[in-house]
Amino acid sequence: MGASTNAATARDEAPLLRLRSISKHFGAVQALYRVDLDLPAAQVTGLCGDNGAGKSVLTKTIAGIHQPDEGEMFWEGKRVHIRSPNDSAHLGIETVYQDLALADNLDIVQNMFLGRERLSRAMLDEDSMERAAGETLAGLHVTTVRSIRQPVSTLSGGQRQAVAVAKAVMWNSKLVMLDEPTAALGVAQTRMVLDLIRRLKDHGLGVMVISHNLNDVFEVADRIAILHLGRMVAQDAISAFDRQSVVDFMTTGESGREVSTASSGEAEA
């Protein structure tokens, strides 16, 4: 019993995704330089950085849109090569970009199954898709939509974000990356999205939230990782930071405040 408990503990402690010394160039521009990042399961990691810090490039590298020039990626402890968005999705990594990539002229079910429609005897299996979409939304406590058959164009910003997240998590995903999920949302809609992020964590998923809103980050994140000019300058538990130290790291790459950044300089696995 003790051995199995120790094994389970070891699995829990190993990050779901581990990046080591990831670098990416675009011509003469170095977008990422030897970036280390750990994304554990059942935790929310806030990825912070000023404009041009490399957040989007890092996210798209994990998503398979960009391939790193150098470095290694480890998924559930095994080295992997993510060469395309299909590779990323096959591992269980889903990305919800700021534009959400939803089709306004389609309803919720059609959006959630867009490109992955279920067929039965060469016909769309509408009943099966409706059931799966409804179960996924219910499992995430998304209860504010009037009907799963209403057009996405009729949804509020918070509801649209919820549908995009539900679409991401219904494909056996293990890691969900959310790009500015509360941008342009009102107070009530922001609260709904932050609650949704907590439920993803409660379901055991790893979550990475890319956000400029430090209030949101400090409310939902367990960990913070901070990029400055393509370098990972700090990475630690949320308790190691306050808002001013995060701003310091984002704007100057360092902070004179009493903040532990031991994990940002850990040795390569």
C-alpha atoms as a PDB file:
ATOM      1  CA  MET A   1       0.000   0.000   0.000  1.00  0.00           C
ATOM      2  CA  GLY A   2       2.853   2.336   0.894  1.00  0.00           C
ATOM      3  CA  ALA A   3       4.570   1.718  -2.447  1.00  0.00           C
ATOM      4  CA  SER A   4       1.445   2.492  -4.472  1.00  0.00           C
ATOM      5  CA  THR A   5       0.862   5.643  -2.415  1.00  0.00           C
ATOM      6  CA  ASN A   6       4.416   6.792  -3.097  1.00  0.00           C
ATOM      7  CA  ALA A   7       3.991   6.083  -6.812  1.00  0.00           C
ATOM      8  CA  ALA A   8       0.778   8.103  -6.886  1.00  0.00           C
ATOM      9  CA  THR A   9       2.511  10.956  -5.066  1.00  0.00           C
ATOM     10  CA  ALA A  10       5.355  10.904  -7.567  1.00  0.00           C
ATOM     11  CA  ARG A  11       2.897  11.070 -10.447  1.00  0.00           C
ATOM     12  CA  ASP A  12       1.095  13.965  -8.812  1.00  0.00           C
ATOM     13  CA  GLU A  13       4.360  15.870  -8.333  1.00  0.00           C
ATOM     14  CA  ALA A  14       5.569  15.402 -11.917  1.00  0.00           C
ATOM     15  CA  PRO A  15       4.349  18.225 -14.159  1.00  0.00           C
ATOM     16  CA  LEU A  16       1.951  17.348 -16.925  1.00  0.00           C
ATOM     17  CA  LEU A  17       4.054  19.345 -19.382  1.00  0.00           C
ATOM     18  CA  ARG A  18       7.683  20.286 -18.863  1.00  0.00           C
ATOM     19  CA  LEU A  19       9.620  22.561 -21.201  1.00  0.00           C
ATOM     20  CA  ARG A  20      13.380  22.827 -20.971  1.00  0.00           C
ATOM     21  CA  SER A  21      15.589  25.389 -22.730  1.00  0.00           C
ATOM     22  CA  ILE A  22      13.041  26.195 -25.428  1.00  0.00           C
ATOM     23  CA  SER A  23      14.340  28.760 -27.919  1.00  0.00           C
ATOM     24  CA  LYS A  24      12.638  30.209 -30.987  1.00  0.00           C
ATOM     25  CA  HIS A  25      13.938  32.614 -33.636  1.00  0.00           C
ATOM     26  CA  PHE A  26      12.119  34.457 -36.381  1.00  0.00           C
ATOM     27  CA  GLY A  27      14.927  35.594 -38.625  1.00  0.00           C
ATOM     28  CA  ALA A  28      17.133  37.885 -36.555  1.00  0.00           C
ATOM     29  CA  VAL A  29      14.503  38.219 -33.820  1.00  0.00           C
ATOM     30  CA  GLN A  30      14.905  35.912 -30.823  1.00  0.00           C
ATOM     31  CA  ALA A  31      11.352  35.436 -29.532  1.00  0.00           C
ATOM     32  CA  LEU A  32      12.184  32.835 -26.858  1.00  0.00           C
ATOM     33  CA  TYR A  33      15.531  32.170 -25.205  1.00  0.00           C
ATOM     34  CA  ARG A  34      16.110  28.946 -23.236  1.00  0.00           C
ATOM     35  CA  VAL A  35      12.670  28.998 -21.615  1.00  0.00           C
ATOM     36  CA  ASP A  36      11.862  26.516 -18.859  1.00  0.00           C
ATOM     37  CA  LEU A  37       8.230  25.978 -17.871  1.00  0.00           C
ATOM     38  CA  ASP A  38       6.330  23.449 -15.763  1.00  0.00           C
ATOM     39  CA  LEU A  39       2.565  23.026 -16.130  1.00  0.00           C
ATOM     40  CA  PRO A  40       1.216  20.640 -13.452  1.00  0.00           C
ATOM     41  CA  ALA A  41      -2.097  18.817 -13.614  1.00  0.00           C
ATOM     42  CA  ALA A  42      -4.947  20.086 -11.429  1.00  0.00           C
ATOM     43  CA  GLN A  43      -3.300  23.497 -11.079  1.00  0.00           C
ATOM     44  CA  VAL A  44      -3.774  26.866 -12.751  1.00  0.00           C
ATOM     45  CA  THR A  45      -0.594  28.535 -13.987  1.00  0.00           C
ATOM     46  CA  GLY A  46      -0.803  32.218 -14.841  1.00  0.00           C
ATOM     47  CA  LEU A  47       1.522  33.175 -17.703  1.00  0.00           C
ATOM     48  CA  CYS A  48       2.332  36.864 -17.431  1.00  0.00           C
ATOM     49  CA  GLY A  49       4.458  39.242 -19.444  1.00  0.00           C
ATOM     50  CA  ASP A  50       4.355  42.604 -21.149  1.00  0.00           C
ATOM     51  CA  ASN A  51       3.532  42.993 -24.833  1.00  0.00           C
ATOM     52  CA  GLY A  52       6.276  41.365 -26.878  1.00  0.00           C
ATOM     53  CA  ALA A  53       7.494  39.227 -23.977  1.00  0.00           C
ATOM     54  CA  GLY A  54       6.918  35.990 -25.892  1.00  0.00           C
ATOM     55  CA  LYS A  55       3.658  34.750 -24.366  1.00  0.00           C
ATOM     56  CA  SER A  56       1.930  34.147 -27.695  1.00  0.00           C
ATOM     57  CA  VAL A  57       4.988  32.504 -29.253  1.00  0.00           C
ATOM     58  CA  LEU A  58       5.376  30.186 -26.251  1.00  0.00           C
ATOM     59  CA  THR A  59       1.676  29.284 -26.316  1.00  0.00           C
ATOM     60  CA  LYS A  60       1.747  28.599 -30.062  1.00  0.00           C
ATOM     61  CA  THR A  61       4.897  26.496 -29.641  1.00  0.00           C
ATOM     62  CA  ILE A  62       3.105  24.293 -27.107  1.00  0.00           C
ATOM     63  CA  ALA A  63       0.071  24.212 -29.428  1.00  0.00           C
ATOM     64  CA  GLY A  64       2.201  22.997 -32.344  1.00  0.00           C
ATOM     65  CA  ILE A  65       1.818  26.096 -34.527  1.00  0.00           C
ATOM     66  CA  HIS A  66       5.503  26.985 -34.077  1.00  0.00           C
ATOM     67  CA  GLN A  67       8.308  24.440 -33.699  1.00  0.00           C
ATOM     68  CA  PRO A  68      11.143  25.307 -31.313  1.00  0.00           C
ATOM     69  CA  ASP A  69      14.637  25.775 -32.699  1.00  0.00           C
ATOM     70  CA  GLU A  70      16.172  24.316 -29.551  1.00  0.00           C
ATOM     71  CA  GLY A  71      15.074  22.629 -26.346  1.00  0.00           C
ATOM     72  CA  GLU A  72      12.997  19.701 -25.174  1.00  0.00           C
ATOM     73  CA  MET A  73       9.379  19.025 -24.243  1.00  0.00           C
ATOM     74  CA  PHE A  74       8.246  16.321 -21.841  1.00  0.00           C
ATOM     75  CA  TRP A  75       4.605  15.209 -21.643  1.00  0.00           C
ATOM     76  CA  GLU A  76       3.709  13.133 -18.585  1.00  0.00           C
ATOM     77  CA  GLY A  77       7.423  12.472 -18.120  1.00  0.00           C
ATOM     78  CA  LYS A  78       8.139  11.338 -21.687  1.00  0.00           C
ATOM     79  CA  ARG A  79       9.990  13.392 -24.270  1.00  0.00           C
ATOM     80  CA  VAL A  80       7.708  14.448 -27.135  1.00  0.00           C
ATOM     81  CA  HIS A  81       7.933  16.397 -30.386  1.00  0.00           C
ATOM     82  CA  ILE A  82       4.928  18.609 -31.108  1.00  0.00           C
ATOM     83  CA  ARG A  83       5.109  19.393 -34.808  1.00  0.00           C
ATOM     84  CA  SER A  84       1.499  20.375 -35.496  1.00  0.00           C
ATOM     85  CA  PRO A  85      -1.757  21.305 -33.755  1.00  0.00           C
ATOM     86  CA  ASN A  86      -2.869  17.707 -34.390  1.00  0.00           C
ATOM     87  CA  ASP A  87       0.111  16.440 -32.390  1.00  0.00           C
ATOM     88  CA  SER A  88      -0.815  18.798 -29.571  1.00  0.00           C
ATOM     89  CA  ALA A  89      -4.479  17.760 -29.591  1.00  0.00           C
ATOM     90  CA  HIS A  90      -3.515  14.069 -29.726  1.00  0.00           C
ATOM     91  CA  LEU A  91      -1.590  14.474 -26.465  1.00  0.00           C
ATOM     92  CA  GLY A  92      -4.562  16.197 -24.838  1.00  0.00           C
ATOM     93  CA  ILE A  93      -3.570  19.855 -25.200  1.00  0.00           C
ATOM     94  CA  GLU A  94      -6.280  22.299 -26.285  1.00  0.00           C
ATOM     95  CA  THR A  95      -5.952  26.049 -26.786  1.00  0.00           C
ATOM     96  CA  VAL A  96      -8.720  28.639 -26.536  1.00  0.00           C
ATOM     97  CA  TYR A  97      -7.477  31.742 -28.337  1.00  0.00           C
ATOM     98  CA  GLN A  98      -8.755  35.229 -27.655  1.00  0.00           C
ATOM     99  CA  ASP A  99     -10.886  35.268 -30.804  1.00  0.00           C
ATOM    100  CA  LEU A 100     -12.493  31.969 -29.587  1.00  0.00           C
ATOM    101  CA  ALA A 101     -12.784  30.643 -33.173  1.00  0.00           C
ATOM    102  CA  LEU A 102     -16.551  30.197 -32.876  1.00  0.00           C
ATOM    103  CA  ALA A 103     -18.907  30.378 -35.867  1.00  0.00           C
ATOM    104  CA  ASP A 104     -21.661  32.899 -35.105  1.00  0.00           C
ATOM    105  CA  ASN A 105     -24.054  31.397 -37.642  1.00  0.00           C
ATOM    106  CA  LEU A 106     -23.941  27.934 -36.003  1.00  0.00           C
ATOM    107  CA  ASP A 107     -25.563  26.839 -32.762  1.00  0.00           C
ATOM    108  CA  ILE A 108     -23.720  25.672 -29.636  1.00  0.00           C
ATOM    109  CA  VAL A 109     -23.763  21.962 -30.508  1.00  0.00           C
ATOM    110  CA  GLN A 110     -22.596  22.604 -34.063  1.00  0.00           C
ATOM    111  CA  ASN A 111     -19.732  24.748 -32.772  1.00  0.00           C
ATOM    112  CA  MET A 112     -18.624  22.213 -30.182  1.00  0.00           C
ATOM    113  CA  PHE A 113     -18.444  19.487 -32.851  1.00  0.00           C
ATOM    114  CA  LEU A 114     -17.189  21.658 -35.712  1.00  0.00           C
ATOM    115  CA  GLY A 115     -14.716  19.553 -37.683  1.00  0.00           C
ATOM    116  CA  ARG A 116     -15.327  16.569 -35.406  1.00  0.00           C
ATOM    117  CA  GLU A 117     -18.937  15.751 -36.276  1.00  0.00           C
ATOM    118  CA  ARG A 118     -20.312  12.358 -35.279  1.00  0.00           C
ATOM    119  CA  LEU A 119     -21.864  10.246 -37.997  1.00  0.00           C
ATOM    120  CA  SER A 120     -24.344   7.390 -37.932  1.00  0.00           C
ATOM    121  CA  ARG A 121     -25.035   5.592 -41.209  1.00  0.00           C
ATOM    122  CA  ALA A 122     -23.442   8.449 -43.144  1.00  0.00           C
ATOM    123  CA  MET A 123     -25.773  10.948 -41.458  1.00  0.00           C
ATOM    124  CA  LEU A 124     -25.021  13.438 -38.708  1.00  0.00           C
ATOM    125  CA  ASP A 125     -25.751  11.845 -35.330  1.00  0.00           C
ATOM    126  CA  GLU A 126     -27.538  14.871 -33.894  1.00  0.00           C
ATOM    127  CA  ASP A 127     -28.855  13.067 -30.798  1.00  0.00           C
ATOM    128  CA  SER A 128     -25.411  11.822 -29.779  1.00  0.00           C
ATOM    129  CA  MET A 129     -23.821  15.240 -30.309  1.00  0.00           C
ATOM    130  CA  GLU A 130     -26.583  17.008 -28.376  1.00  0.00           C
ATOM    131  CA  ARG A 131     -26.186  14.567 -25.480  1.00  0.00           C
ATOM    132  CA  ALA A 132     -22.395  14.950 -25.331  1.00  0.00           C
ATOM    133  CA  ALA A 133     -22.550  18.745 -25.611  1.00  0.00           C
ATOM    134  CA  GLY A 134     -25.206  18.965 -22.900  1.00  0.00           C
ATOM    135  CA  GLU A 135     -23.297  16.652 -20.559  1.00  0.00           C
ATOM    136  CA  THR A 136     -20.065  18.606 -21.022  1.00  0.00           C
ATOM    137  CA  LEU A 137     -21.753  21.948 -20.326  1.00  0.00           C
ATOM    138  CA  ALA A 138     -23.570  20.511 -17.311  1.00  0.00           C
ATOM    139  CA  GLY A 139     -20.337  18.992 -15.974  1.00  0.00           C
ATOM    140  CA  LEU A 140     -18.755  22.442 -16.070  1.00  0.00           C
ATOM    141  CA  HIS A 141     -21.890  23.991 -14.487  1.00  0.00           C
ATOM    142  CA  VAL A 142     -22.538  26.156 -17.531  1.00  0.00           C
ATOM    143  CA  THR A 143     -26.219  26.766 -16.867  1.00  0.00           C
ATOM    144  CA  THR A 144     -26.849  30.265 -18.194  1.00  0.00           C
ATOM    145  CA  VAL A 145     -27.425  29.346 -21.856  1.00  0.00           C
ATOM    146  CA  ARG A 146     -31.084  29.163 -22.811  1.00  0.00           C
ATOM    147  CA  SER A 147     -30.661  26.207 -25.164  1.00  0.00           C
ATOM    148  CA  ILE A 148     -27.707  24.286 -26.588  1.00  0.00           C
ATOM    149  CA  ARG A 149     -29.370  24.833 -29.961  1.00  0.00           C
ATOM    150  CA  GLN A 150     -29.300  28.621 -29.784  1.00  0.00           C
ATOM    151  CA  PRO A 151     -26.981  30.390 -32.251  1.00  0.00           C
ATOM    152  CA  VAL A 152     -23.646  31.481 -30.821  1.00  0.00           C
ATOM    153  CA  SER A 153     -24.393  34.980 -32.133  1.00  0.00           C
ATOM    154  CA  THR A 154     -27.044  35.324 -29.404  1.00  0.00           C
ATOM    155  CA  LEU A 155     -24.648  34.568 -26.533  1.00  0.00           C
ATOM    156  CA  SER A 156     -23.010  37.047 -24.174  1.00  0.00           C
ATOM    157  CA  GLY A 157     -19.224  37.331 -24.020  1.00  0.00           C
ATOM    158  CA  GLY A 158     -19.025  35.149 -20.935  1.00  0.00           C
ATOM    159  CA  GLN A 159     -21.294  32.514 -22.456  1.00  0.00           C
ATOM    160  CA  ARG A 160     -19.200  32.462 -25.633  1.00  0.00           C
ATOM    161  CA  GLN A 161     -16.062  31.943 -23.575  1.00  0.00           C
ATOM    162  CA  ALA A 162     -17.786  29.104 -21.687  1.00  0.00           C
ATOM    163  CA  VAL A 163     -18.790  27.390 -24.950  1.00  0.00           C
ATOM    164  CA  ALA A 164     -15.232  27.722 -26.294  1.00  0.00           C
ATOM    165  CA  VAL A 165     -13.815  26.175 -23.101  1.00  0.00           C
ATOM    166  CA  ALA A 166     -16.406  23.378 -23.118  1.00  0.00           C
ATOM    167  CA  LYS A 167     -15.526  22.675 -26.746  1.00  0.00           C
ATOM    168  CA  ALA A 168     -11.873  22.358 -25.719  1.00  0.00           C
ATOM    169  CA  VAL A 169     -12.394  20.041 -22.752  1.00  0.00           C
ATOM    170  CA  MET A 170     -14.829  17.571 -24.330  1.00  0.00           C
ATOM    171  CA  TRP A 171     -12.057  15.910 -26.394  1.00  0.00           C
ATOM    172  CA  ASN A 172     -10.305  14.139 -23.497  1.00  0.00           C
ATOM    173  CA  SER A 173      -8.027  17.106 -22.973  1.00  0.00           C
ATOM    174  CA  LYS A 174      -5.622  17.193 -20.044  1.00  0.00           C
ATOM    175  CA  LEU A 175      -4.178  20.672 -20.489  1.00  0.00           C
ATOM    176  CA  VAL A 176      -6.188  23.737 -21.533  1.00  0.00           C
ATOM    177  CA  MET A 177      -4.478  27.004 -22.442  1.00  0.00           C
ATOM    178  CA  LEU A 178      -6.669  30.130 -22.272  1.00  0.00           C
ATOM    179  CA  ASP A 179      -5.540  33.321 -23.996  1.00  0.00           C
ATOM    180  CA  GLU A 180      -6.880  36.434 -22.213  1.00  0.00           C
ATOM    181  CA  PRO A 181     -10.132  34.656 -21.238  1.00  0.00           C
ATOM    182  CA  THR A 182     -11.654  37.658 -19.442  1.00  0.00           C
ATOM    183  CA  ALA A 183     -10.648  40.394 -21.897  1.00  0.00           C
ATOM    184  CA  ALA A 184     -13.527  42.803 -22.627  1.00  0.00           C
ATOM    185  CA  LEU A 185     -15.892  41.024 -20.205  1.00  0.00           C
ATOM    186  CA  GLY A 186     -17.994  42.747 -17.569  1.00  0.00           C
ATOM    187  CA  VAL A 187     -17.776  41.968 -13.856  1.00  0.00           C
ATOM    188  CA  ALA A 188     -20.488  39.282 -13.795  1.00  0.00           C
ATOM    189  CA  GLN A 189     -19.193  37.577 -16.956  1.00  0.00           C
ATOM    190  CA  THR A 190     -15.629  37.662 -15.638  1.00  0.00           C
ATOM    191  CA  ARG A 191     -16.820  35.966 -12.438  1.00  0.00           C
ATOM    192  CA  MET A 192     -18.477  33.241 -14.498  1.00  0.00           C
ATOM    193  CA  VAL A 193     -15.297  32.583 -16.482  1.00  0.00           C
ATOM    194  CA  LEU A 194     -13.066  32.536 -13.377  1.00  0.00           C
ATOM    195  CA  ASP A 195     -15.433  30.039 -11.750  1.00  0.00           C
ATOM    196  CA  LEU A 196     -15.211  27.947 -14.911  1.00  0.00           C
ATOM    197  CA  ILE A 197     -11.404  27.963 -14.707  1.00  0.00           C
ATOM    198  CA  ARG A 198     -11.590  26.707 -11.121  1.00  0.00           C
ATOM    199  CA  ARG A 199     -13.866  23.874 -12.220  1.00  0.00           C
ATOM    200  CA  LEU A 200     -11.355  22.833 -14.882  1.00  0.00           C
ATOM    201  CA  LYS A 201      -8.766  22.525 -12.114  1.00  0.00           C
ATOM    202  CA  ASP A 202     -11.227  20.637  -9.910  1.00  0.00           C
ATOM    203  CA  HIS A 203     -11.712  18.170 -12.805  1.00  0.00           C
ATOM    204  CA  GLY A 204      -7.963  17.470 -12.678  1.00  0.00           C
ATOM    205  CA  LEU A 205      -6.968  19.413 -15.773  1.00  0.00           C
ATOM    206  CA  GLY A 206      -3.854  21.514 -16.018  1.00  0.00           C
ATOM    207  CA  VAL A 207      -4.711  25.090 -16.976  1.00  0.00           C
ATOM    208  CA  MET A 208      -2.497  27.860 -18.313  1.00  0.00           C
ATOM    209  CA  VAL A 209      -4.075  31.316 -18.284  1.00  0.00           C
ATOM    210  CA  ILE A 210      -2.375  34.022 -20.335  1.00  0.00           C
ATOM    211  CA  SER A 211      -3.558  37.310 -18.885  1.00  0.00           C
ATOM    212  CA  HIS A 212      -2.637  40.962 -18.357  1.00  0.00           C
ATOM    213  CA  ASN A 213      -5.239  41.190 -15.588  1.00  0.00           C
ATOM    214  CA  LEU A 214      -3.299  40.568 -12.392  1.00  0.00           C
ATOM    215  CA  ASN A 215      -6.479  40.653 -10.284  1.00  0.00           C
ATOM    216  CA  ASP A 216      -7.764  37.653 -12.232  1.00  0.00           C
ATOM    217  CA  VAL A 217      -4.388  35.885 -12.068  1.00  0.00           C
ATOM    218  CA  PHE A 218      -4.116  36.281  -8.296  1.00  0.00           C
ATOM    219  CA  GLU A 219      -7.708  35.111  -7.871  1.00  0.00           C
ATOM    220  CA  VAL A 220      -7.452  31.805  -9.768  1.00  0.00           C
ATOM    221  CA  ALA A 221      -3.776  30.896 -10.260  1.00  0.00           C
ATOM    222  CA  ASP A 222      -1.846  28.433  -8.118  1.00  0.00           C
ATOM    223  CA  ARG A 223       1.402  29.338  -9.842  1.00  0.00           C
ATOM    224  CA  ILE A 224       2.819  32.228 -11.871  1.00  0.00           C
ATOM    225  CA  ALA A 225       5.357  32.153 -14.701  1.00  0.00           C
ATOM    226  CA  ILE A 226       6.685  35.491 -15.979  1.00  0.00           C
ATOM    227  CA  LEU A 227       8.325  36.181 -19.331  1.00  0.00           C
ATOM    228  CA  HIS A 228      10.445  39.245 -20.071  1.00  0.00           C
ATOM    229  CA  LEU A 229      11.890  39.791 -23.547  1.00  0.00           C
ATOM    230  CA  GLY A 230      11.647  36.093 -24.376  1.00  0.00           C
ATOM    231  CA  ARG A 231      13.210  34.834 -21.136  1.00  0.00           C
ATOM    232  CA  MET A 232      11.476  33.137 -18.217  1.00  0.00           C
ATOM    233  CA  VAL A 233      12.533  35.440 -15.391  1.00  0.00           C
ATOM    234  CA  ALA A 234      10.393  34.011 -12.578  1.00  0.00           C
ATOM    235  CA  GLN A 235       8.292  30.914 -11.934  1.00  0.00           C
ATOM    236  CA  ASP A 236       6.907  29.879  -8.583  1.00  0.00           C
ATOM    237  CA  ALA A 237       3.846  29.356  -6.412  1.00  0.00           C
ATOM    238  CA  ILE A 238       1.431  32.284  -6.224  1.00  0.00           C
ATOM    239  CA  SER A 239       2.378  32.781  -2.573  1.00  0.00           C
ATOM    240  CA  ALA A 240       5.900  33.782  -3.632  1.00  0.00           C
ATOM    241  CA  PHE A 241       4.618  36.904  -5.383  1.00  0.00           C
ATOM    242  CA  ASP A 242       2.647  40.040  -4.787  1.00  0.00           C
ATOM    243  CA  ARG A 243       1.256  42.268  -7.525  1.00  0.00           C
ATOM    244  CA  GLN A 244       4.159  44.717  -7.416  1.00  0.00           C
ATOM    245  CA  SER A 245       6.776  41.996  -7.731  1.00  0.00           C
ATOM    246  CA  VAL A 246       4.968  40.585 -10.775  1.00  0.00           C
ATOM    247  CA  VAL A 247       4.890  44.061 -12.349  1.00  0.00           C
ATOM    248  CA  ASP A 248       8.609  44.443 -11.590  1.00  0.00           C
ATOM    249  CA  PHE A 249       9.454  41.163 -13.306  1.00  0.00           C
ATOM    250  CA  MET A 250       7.204  41.969 -16.278  1.00  0.00           C
ATOM    251  CA  THR A 251       8.683  45.420 -16.873  1.00  0.00           C
ATOM    252  CA  THR A 252      12.356  45.022 -15.890  1.00  0.00           C
ATOM    253  CA  GLY A 253      12.994  41.268 -15.708  1.00  0.00           C
ATOM    254  CA  GLU A 254      13.876  41.409 -12.022  1.00  0.00           C
ATOM    255  CA  SER A 255      12.523  42.410  -8.648  1.00  0.00           C
ATOM    256  CA  GLY A 256      14.202  43.638  -5.501  1.00  0.00           C
ATOM    257  CA  ARG A 257      11.304  42.479  -3.366  1.00  0.00           C
ATOM    258  CA  GLU A 258      11.531  39.416  -1.143  1.00  0.00           C
ATOM    259  CA  VAL A 259      10.304  36.863  -3.680  1.00  0.00           C
ATOM    260  CA  SER A 260      11.464  33.274  -4.056  1.00  0.00           C
ATOM    261  CA  THR A 261      12.279  32.357  -7.654  1.00  0.00           C
ATOM    262  CA  ALA A 262      14.087  29.107  -7.028  1.00  0.00           C
ATOM    263  CA  SER A 263      11.908  27.149  -9.401  1.00  0.00           C
ATOM    264  CA  SER A 264      12.628  29.529 -12.268  1.00  0.00           C
ATOM    265  CA  GLY A 265      16.239  28.479 -12.273  1.00  0.00           C
ATOM    266  CA  GLU A 266      15.923  24.779 -11.617  1.00  0.00           C
ATOM    267  CA  ALA A 267      18.183  22.436 -13.512  1.00  0.00           C
ATOM    268  CA  GLU A 268      17.073  20.754 -16.696  1.00  0.00           C
ATOM    269  CA  ALA A 269      15.311  17.440 -16.268  1.00  0.00           C
END
